[in-house]
Amino acid sequence: MEFRIIDDTLQYYNLMLGDIAQARSYIFVETYKFANDHMGVRFRDALTRKSREGVKVKILIDSWGKGPISESFFSELIQWGGEVKFFEKIKINSDIFTRGHRRDHRKIMIIDDTISYIGSANITGYNLNWRELCLRMEGELALSFKKVFLENFEAFNPYIITNKVTFTRRIKVGDFEIIRDVPSIQFQRLKKRYTQLIKKATRSVVIETPYFLPGFILRKAMIDASNKGIDVTVIMPKHSDVRMIDVLRNKYLGILHNAGVKLLFYAPYNLHAKLLMTDDEIFSISSANFDYRSFRYQYEIALIGSDSEILRQLRDHIAETVRNSHPFDHAEWARRPMIEKIFEWILLPFRHFF
């Protein structure tokens, strides 16, 4: 198998478009956002051309993340036999604050049983200057991701999710495991797996996430690891694209810093990568943020493994991220405006929905 880590968004899109152009059998795309902008149009037109050539095209897009686009945006693709589904339309009712947050946040693409992608990037020009983390895989993993996609595609319809999405949450492929998480307050399988990995670490834990709102169990695991002398590092953007999360996360930073957890802020622009790596030996590349909402309410997917080539590329990725980050300043944090502290308390009861 061949693997390539991509953290430059434009490079990632160009690789995907190049692979789409070479497709001969099928192209399956599952994404949270597919925008009606210059980049979304490029992808739509590329997929439409392949549909006209007789390539089977299936697209699954989240109804929240899709923004204003509808089936009409894909009308020509559908005319040529392409299939487009929008995951669970949002209904305004008493359950909107729980059911409405159960979004399909996964981001995968599979081509011709040979190429597959997983990672953090949506299909939109909005995030062209963001630092992402995506993995291109060439080899047998494509068949497993194909199975995952087809089960998701058949299980989802615009108004209801069938029970089919609750099976095959974990798939073993050699030394890799694919975890397909589903909304659950009780199970939260990805959070539990991350907690296990942090607890088993003996030397280091590295977390990259755009939104850092860890629950009590994950905070305790990080603090316990740090107290044992393990190097625990969390890298997040200085300013994410969701200001309320930046305000709310401040509430957790002081206690983690005092426990020895290293907090770094990526400065150039938004860091949107989603990575967990322990002991330089095990990695997780996923669609999931390190927050309540991803672990509790969203449909997420993660690839966990120990492949030496992927780990080598991830070490380079992390080193570049760190070079462009600066450490948490506890004194500056303590001097943050009182209005921010008040908003931290106001937002705290809603932390599960950010």
Protein backbone atom coordinates (compact mmCIF):
# COMPACT_ATOMS: atom_id res chain seq x y z
CA MET A 1 0.00 0.00 0.00
CA GLU A 2 1.06 3.58 -0.62
CA PHE A 3 0.25 6.48 1.68
CA ARG A 4 0.52 10.24 1.39
CA ILE A 5 -0.22 12.82 4.08
CA ILE A 6 -1.51 16.14 2.72
CA ASP A 7 -1.93 19.24 4.90
CA ASP A 8 -2.06 21.89 2.17
CA THR A 9 -5.72 22.25 1.20
CA LEU A 10 -5.24 23.30 -2.43
CA GLN A 11 -2.76 20.49 -2.99
CA TYR A 12 -5.27 18.08 -1.48
CA TYR A 13 -8.06 19.24 -3.78
CA ASN A 14 -5.83 19.01 -6.84
CA LEU A 15 -4.82 15.45 -5.94
CA MET A 16 -8.46 14.46 -5.53
CA LEU A 17 -9.45 16.09 -8.82
CA GLY A 18 -6.59 14.33 -10.57
CA ASP A 19 -7.73 10.96 -9.22
CA ILE A 20 -11.33 11.72 -10.19
CA ALA A 21 -10.20 12.44 -13.75
CA GLN A 22 -8.58 9.00 -13.94
CA ALA A 23 -11.57 7.07 -12.49
CA ARG A 24 -12.90 4.23 -14.66
CA SER A 25 -15.47 2.40 -12.53
CA TYR A 26 -16.88 4.43 -9.64
CA ILE A 27 -16.39 7.47 -7.40
CA PHE A 28 -18.01 7.60 -3.95
CA VAL A 29 -17.90 10.83 -1.93
CA GLU A 30 -19.13 11.41 1.63
CA THR A 31 -18.61 14.87 3.10
CA TYR A 32 -20.00 17.30 5.64
CA LYS A 33 -19.75 20.38 3.40
CA PHE A 34 -19.99 20.70 -0.37
CA ALA A 35 -20.17 24.40 -1.14
CA ASN A 36 -21.66 26.27 -4.08
CA ASP A 37 -18.47 28.22 -4.68
CA HIS A 38 -15.59 28.02 -7.14
CA MET A 39 -14.17 24.88 -5.52
CA GLY A 40 -17.51 23.12 -5.12
CA VAL A 41 -18.29 23.88 -8.77
CA ARG A 42 -14.92 22.42 -9.84
CA PHE A 43 -15.68 19.17 -8.03
CA ARG A 44 -19.27 19.04 -9.26
CA ASP A 45 -18.20 19.56 -12.86
CA ALA A 46 -15.43 16.96 -12.58
CA LEU A 47 -17.86 14.42 -11.12
CA THR A 48 -20.44 15.27 -13.79
CA ARG A 49 -17.91 14.63 -16.56
CA LYS A 50 -17.16 11.21 -15.14
CA SER A 51 -20.87 10.44 -14.85
CA ARG A 52 -21.25 11.31 -18.54
CA GLU A 53 -18.46 8.82 -19.28
CA GLY A 54 -20.41 6.06 -17.55
CA VAL A 55 -18.55 6.10 -14.23
CA LYS A 56 -20.83 5.37 -11.27
CA VAL A 57 -20.97 8.44 -8.99
CA LYS A 58 -22.58 8.48 -5.54
CA ILE A 59 -22.43 11.51 -3.22
CA LEU A 60 -23.61 11.77 0.40
CA ILE A 61 -23.67 15.29 1.88
CA ASP A 62 -24.88 16.46 5.27
CA SER A 63 -28.03 18.60 5.11
CA TRP A 64 -26.68 21.09 7.64
CA GLY A 65 -23.24 21.35 6.08
CA LYS A 66 -24.54 21.63 2.50
CA GLY A 67 -25.66 25.22 3.00
CA PRO A 68 -27.91 26.52 0.22
CA ILE A 69 -27.21 23.83 -2.39
CA SER A 70 -29.90 21.33 -3.39
CA GLU A 71 -30.40 18.60 -5.97
CA SER A 72 -30.67 21.28 -8.67
CA PHE A 73 -26.97 22.07 -8.11
CA PHE A 74 -26.25 18.51 -9.28
CA SER A 75 -28.99 18.34 -11.91
CA GLU A 76 -26.73 17.42 -14.84
CA LEU A 77 -24.85 14.83 -12.81
CA ILE A 78 -28.15 13.25 -11.76
CA GLN A 79 -29.38 13.38 -15.37
CA TRP A 80 -26.39 11.21 -16.35
CA GLY A 81 -27.12 8.64 -13.63
CA GLY A 82 -25.24 10.08 -10.66
CA GLU A 83 -26.86 9.72 -7.23
CA VAL A 84 -26.89 12.45 -4.59
CA LYS A 85 -28.29 12.11 -1.06
CA PHE A 86 -28.53 14.72 1.67
CA PHE A 87 -28.15 13.36 5.17
CA GLU A 88 -31.13 13.98 7.47
CA LYS A 89 -32.86 17.27 6.84
CA ILE A 90 -33.18 19.52 9.87
CA LYS A 91 -36.63 19.68 11.41
CA ILE A 92 -37.65 22.52 13.71
CA ASN A 93 -39.19 20.78 16.72
CA SER A 94 -38.61 20.14 20.41
CA ASP A 95 -35.72 17.78 19.58
CA ILE A 96 -33.69 20.24 17.50
CA PHE A 97 -31.04 20.71 20.23
CA THR A 98 -30.23 16.98 20.24
CA ARG A 99 -31.49 15.35 17.05
CA GLY A 100 -30.55 18.42 15.01
CA HIS A 101 -26.92 18.04 16.07
CA ARG A 102 -26.67 14.45 14.82
CA ARG A 103 -24.80 15.36 11.68
CA ASP A 104 -22.81 13.29 9.18
CA HIS A 105 -19.39 14.83 9.78
CA ARG A 106 -17.40 12.15 7.90
CA LYS A 107 -15.13 13.01 4.99
CA ILE A 108 -14.09 10.14 2.73
CA MET A 109 -13.70 9.47 -0.99
CA ILE A 110 -13.19 6.09 -2.69
CA ILE A 111 -12.25 5.48 -6.34
CA ASP A 112 -12.15 2.20 -8.31
CA ASP A 113 -11.36 -0.16 -5.39
CA THR A 114 -7.82 1.23 -5.34
CA ILE A 115 -7.73 4.80 -3.99
CA SER A 116 -9.32 6.17 -0.83
CA TYR A 117 -9.10 9.41 1.13
CA ILE A 118 -9.88 10.24 4.74
CA GLY A 119 -9.27 13.41 6.71
CA SER A 120 -10.43 16.79 7.90
CA ALA A 121 -11.13 18.79 4.73
CA ASN A 122 -14.56 19.55 3.34
CA ILE A 123 -15.18 20.48 -0.31
CA THR A 124 -15.31 24.25 -0.21
CA GLY A 125 -13.16 27.22 -1.14
CA TYR A 126 -13.80 28.70 2.31
CA ASN A 127 -10.95 26.74 3.88
CA LEU A 128 -8.28 27.04 1.15
CA ASN A 129 -5.75 28.64 3.51
CA TRP A 130 -6.48 26.32 6.46
CA ARG A 131 -4.03 23.71 7.68
CA GLU A 132 -5.77 20.36 7.25
CA LEU A 133 -4.73 16.74 7.75
CA CYS A 134 -5.77 14.26 5.07
CA LEU A 135 -4.49 10.86 3.99
CA ARG A 136 -4.46 9.45 0.47
CA MET A 137 -4.30 5.65 0.42
CA GLU A 138 -3.62 3.43 -2.55
CA GLY A 139 -4.33 -0.25 -1.92
CA GLU A 140 -6.61 -2.64 -0.10
CA LEU A 141 -8.04 -0.16 2.41
CA ALA A 142 -10.20 1.22 -0.41
CA LEU A 143 -12.38 -1.91 -0.27
CA SER A 144 -13.09 -1.40 3.43
CA PHE A 145 -13.92 2.27 2.95
CA LYS A 146 -16.13 1.28 0.02
CA LYS A 147 -18.07 -1.04 2.34
CA VAL A 148 -18.41 1.72 4.93
CA PHE A 149 -19.63 4.24 2.35
CA LEU A 150 -22.21 1.92 0.78
CA GLU A 151 -23.64 0.99 4.17
CA ASN A 152 -23.90 4.68 5.05
CA PHE A 153 -25.40 5.59 1.68
CA GLU A 154 -28.09 2.91 1.91
CA ALA A 155 -28.88 3.63 5.56
CA PHE A 156 -29.44 7.38 5.23
CA ASN A 157 -32.46 9.02 3.68
CA PRO A 158 -33.61 12.63 3.99
CA TYR A 159 -35.80 12.17 7.05
CA ILE A 160 -34.74 9.12 9.04
CA ILE A 161 -31.68 7.04 9.80
CA THR A 162 -32.26 3.30 9.80
CA ASN A 163 -30.69 0.99 12.34
CA LYS A 164 -28.20 -0.17 9.73
CA VAL A 165 -25.79 2.60 10.72
CA THR A 166 -25.31 1.02 14.14
CA PHE A 167 -23.41 -2.02 12.86
CA THR A 168 -19.78 -2.48 11.80
CA ARG A 169 -18.52 0.39 13.90
CA ARG A 170 -15.02 -1.15 13.94
CA ILE A 171 -13.38 -2.81 10.96
CA LYS A 172 -9.96 -4.49 11.17
CA VAL A 173 -7.76 -4.43 8.05
CA GLY A 174 -4.35 -5.86 8.83
CA ASP A 175 -2.72 -3.51 11.35
CA PHE A 176 -5.36 -0.83 10.74
CA GLU A 177 -8.74 -0.31 12.35
CA ILE A 178 -11.56 1.82 11.02
CA ILE A 179 -13.86 3.13 13.72
CA ARG A 180 -17.22 4.37 12.51
CA ASP A 181 -18.77 6.27 15.38
CA VAL A 182 -22.47 7.09 15.67
CA PRO A 183 -24.32 9.47 18.01
CA SER A 184 -24.53 7.99 21.49
CA ILE A 185 -24.36 9.46 24.97
CA GLN A 186 -23.74 5.99 26.39
CA PHE A 187 -21.13 4.47 24.06
CA GLN A 188 -19.08 7.25 22.40
CA ARG A 189 -16.76 4.61 20.97
CA LEU A 190 -14.21 6.97 19.48
CA LYS A 191 -13.86 8.90 22.74
CA LYS A 192 -13.37 5.63 24.61
CA ARG A 193 -10.74 4.47 22.12
CA TYR A 194 -8.87 7.77 22.45
CA THR A 195 -9.03 7.51 26.23
CA GLN A 196 -7.53 4.01 26.02
CA LEU A 197 -4.72 5.19 23.76
CA ILE A 198 -3.86 8.09 26.08
CA LYS A 199 -3.90 5.82 29.15
CA LYS A 200 -1.61 3.29 27.43
CA ALA A 201 0.91 5.92 26.32
CA THR A 202 4.33 5.68 27.95
CA ARG A 203 6.26 8.57 26.36
CA SER A 204 4.15 11.07 24.44
CA VAL A 205 0.66 12.15 23.38
CA VAL A 206 0.08 14.67 20.60
CA ILE A 207 -3.36 16.07 19.78
CA GLU A 208 -4.19 18.42 16.91
CA THR A 209 -7.72 19.77 16.85
CA PRO A 210 -9.51 22.92 15.66
CA TYR A 211 -12.02 22.81 18.53
CA PHE A 212 -10.77 21.76 21.95
CA LEU A 213 -13.55 21.05 24.44
CA PRO A 214 -12.55 17.76 26.10
CA GLY A 215 -14.95 16.15 28.55
CA PHE A 216 -13.99 15.20 32.10
CA ILE A 217 -12.79 11.68 31.22
CA LEU A 218 -10.44 12.90 28.49
CA ARG A 219 -9.19 15.79 30.64
CA LYS A 220 -8.43 13.36 33.46
CA ALA A 221 -6.64 10.97 31.09
CA MET A 222 -4.44 13.81 29.81
CA ILE A 223 -3.71 15.10 33.31
CA ASP A 224 -2.94 11.62 34.64
CA ALA A 225 -0.58 11.00 31.72
CA SER A 226 1.21 14.30 32.34
CA ASN A 227 1.50 13.53 36.04
CA LYS A 228 3.27 10.28 35.11
CA GLY A 229 5.90 12.23 33.19
CA ILE A 230 4.43 11.65 29.74
CA ASP A 231 4.84 14.52 27.30
CA VAL A 232 1.26 15.58 26.50
CA THR A 233 0.91 18.27 23.80
CA VAL A 234 -2.29 19.82 22.45
CA ILE A 235 -2.11 22.02 19.35
CA MET A 236 -5.10 24.18 18.44
CA PRO A 237 -5.58 27.32 16.33
CA LYS A 238 -4.97 30.69 17.92
CA HIS A 239 -8.29 31.74 16.37
CA SER A 240 -10.64 29.10 14.98
CA ASP A 241 -13.59 29.90 12.74
CA VAL A 242 -15.98 29.56 15.71
CA ARG A 243 -15.34 32.36 18.18
CA MET A 244 -17.65 30.98 20.88
CA ILE A 245 -15.59 27.78 21.09
CA ASP A 246 -12.40 29.82 21.47
CA VAL A 247 -14.00 31.62 24.42
CA LEU A 248 -15.38 28.46 26.03
CA ARG A 249 -12.16 26.44 25.68
CA ASN A 250 -10.37 29.02 27.86
CA LYS A 251 -12.14 27.52 30.85
CA TYR A 252 -10.18 24.27 30.44
CA LEU A 253 -6.74 25.67 29.67
CA GLY A 254 -5.60 26.79 33.11
CA ILE A 255 -6.07 23.45 34.86
CA LEU A 256 -4.45 21.53 32.01
CA HIS A 257 -1.47 23.91 31.93
CA ASN A 258 -1.03 23.63 35.70
CA ALA A 259 -1.00 19.85 35.34
CA GLY A 260 1.88 20.04 32.86
CA VAL A 261 -0.04 19.61 29.61
CA LYS A 262 1.69 21.61 26.87
CA LEU A 263 -0.74 23.87 25.01
CA LEU A 264 0.30 25.34 21.67
CA PHE A 265 -1.56 27.81 19.46
CA TYR A 266 -1.16 27.61 15.69
CA ALA A 267 -0.80 31.21 14.55
CA PRO A 268 -0.82 31.68 10.72
CA TYR A 269 -4.51 30.80 10.17
CA ASN A 270 -7.02 28.16 11.16
CA LEU A 271 -5.69 24.73 12.09
CA HIS A 272 -8.41 22.26 11.06
CA ALA A 273 -6.42 18.99 11.41
CA LYS A 274 -7.80 16.17 13.57
CA LEU A 275 -4.97 13.98 14.86
CA LEU A 276 -4.10 11.86 17.88
CA MET A 277 -0.66 10.23 18.05
CA THR A 278 0.80 8.34 21.01
CA ASP A 279 4.43 7.34 21.60
CA ASP A 280 5.25 8.03 17.92
CA GLU A 281 3.82 4.55 17.36
CA ILE A 282 0.03 4.79 17.01
CA PHE A 283 -1.96 7.41 15.12
CA SER A 284 -5.57 8.31 14.52
CA ILE A 285 -6.53 10.40 11.49
CA SER A 286 -10.21 11.23 11.59
CA SER A 287 -13.08 13.59 10.92
CA ALA A 288 -13.70 14.07 14.66
CA ASN A 289 -12.89 17.18 16.64
CA PHE A 290 -11.69 16.84 20.24
CA ASP A 291 -14.97 18.09 21.66
CA TYR A 292 -18.29 17.02 23.14
CA ARG A 293 -20.25 17.44 19.94
CA SER A 294 -18.11 15.17 17.77
CA PHE A 295 -17.93 12.38 20.35
CA ARG A 296 -21.56 12.56 21.49
CA TYR A 297 -23.72 13.70 18.56
CA GLN A 298 -22.00 13.32 15.20
CA TYR A 299 -21.36 10.52 12.74
CA GLU A 300 -17.58 10.35 12.56
CA ILE A 301 -14.92 8.07 11.10
CA ALA A 302 -11.32 7.40 12.12
CA LEU A 303 -8.42 5.39 10.77
CA ILE A 304 -6.15 4.11 13.55
CA GLY A 305 -2.89 2.35 12.83
CA SER A 306 0.86 2.05 13.27
CA ASP A 307 2.20 2.09 9.70
CA SER A 308 5.80 3.35 9.78
CA GLU A 309 5.52 5.39 6.57
CA ILE A 310 2.40 7.22 7.77
CA LEU A 311 4.06 7.86 11.14
CA ARG A 312 7.15 9.28 9.42
CA GLN A 313 5.04 11.71 7.42
CA LEU A 314 2.99 12.63 10.49
CA ARG A 315 6.15 13.49 12.42
CA ASP A 316 7.06 15.94 9.63
CA HIS A 317 3.52 17.34 9.67
CA ILE A 318 3.59 17.86 13.45
CA ALA A 319 7.05 19.45 13.36
CA GLU A 320 5.85 21.98 10.78
CA THR A 321 2.73 22.74 12.82
CA VAL A 322 4.81 23.27 15.98
CA ARG A 323 7.23 25.58 14.14
CA ASN A 324 4.30 27.86 13.36
CA SER A 325 2.79 27.76 16.86
CA HIS A 326 3.47 29.54 20.12
CA PRO A 327 3.01 28.29 23.69
CA PHE A 328 0.12 29.08 25.99
CA ASP A 329 0.83 32.14 28.13
CA HIS A 330 -0.66 31.51 31.57
CA ALA A 331 -0.15 35.08 32.74
CA GLU A 332 -1.94 36.44 29.69
CA TRP A 333 -4.72 33.88 30.18
CA ALA A 334 -5.18 34.97 33.80
CA ARG A 335 -5.52 38.60 32.63
CA ARG A 336 -8.22 37.86 30.06
CA PRO A 337 -11.13 40.32 30.23
CA MET A 338 -13.85 39.73 32.80
CA ILE A 339 -16.46 39.72 30.03
CA GLU A 340 -14.77 36.63 28.54
CA LYS A 341 -14.86 34.86 31.92
CA ILE A 342 -18.56 35.67 32.22
CA PHE A 343 -19.23 34.26 28.75
CA GLU A 344 -17.31 31.09 29.67
CA TRP A 345 -19.84 30.47 32.44
CA ILE A 346 -22.80 31.46 30.25
CA LEU A 347 -21.72 29.09 27.47
CA LEU A 348 -20.72 26.21 29.75
CA PRO A 349 -24.21 24.58 29.92
CA PHE A 350 -24.26 24.50 26.09
CA ARG A 351 -20.79 22.97 25.67
CA HIS A 352 -22.25 19.75 24.20
CA PHE A 353 -23.65 21.62 21.20
CA PHE A 354 -20.50 23.44 20.00
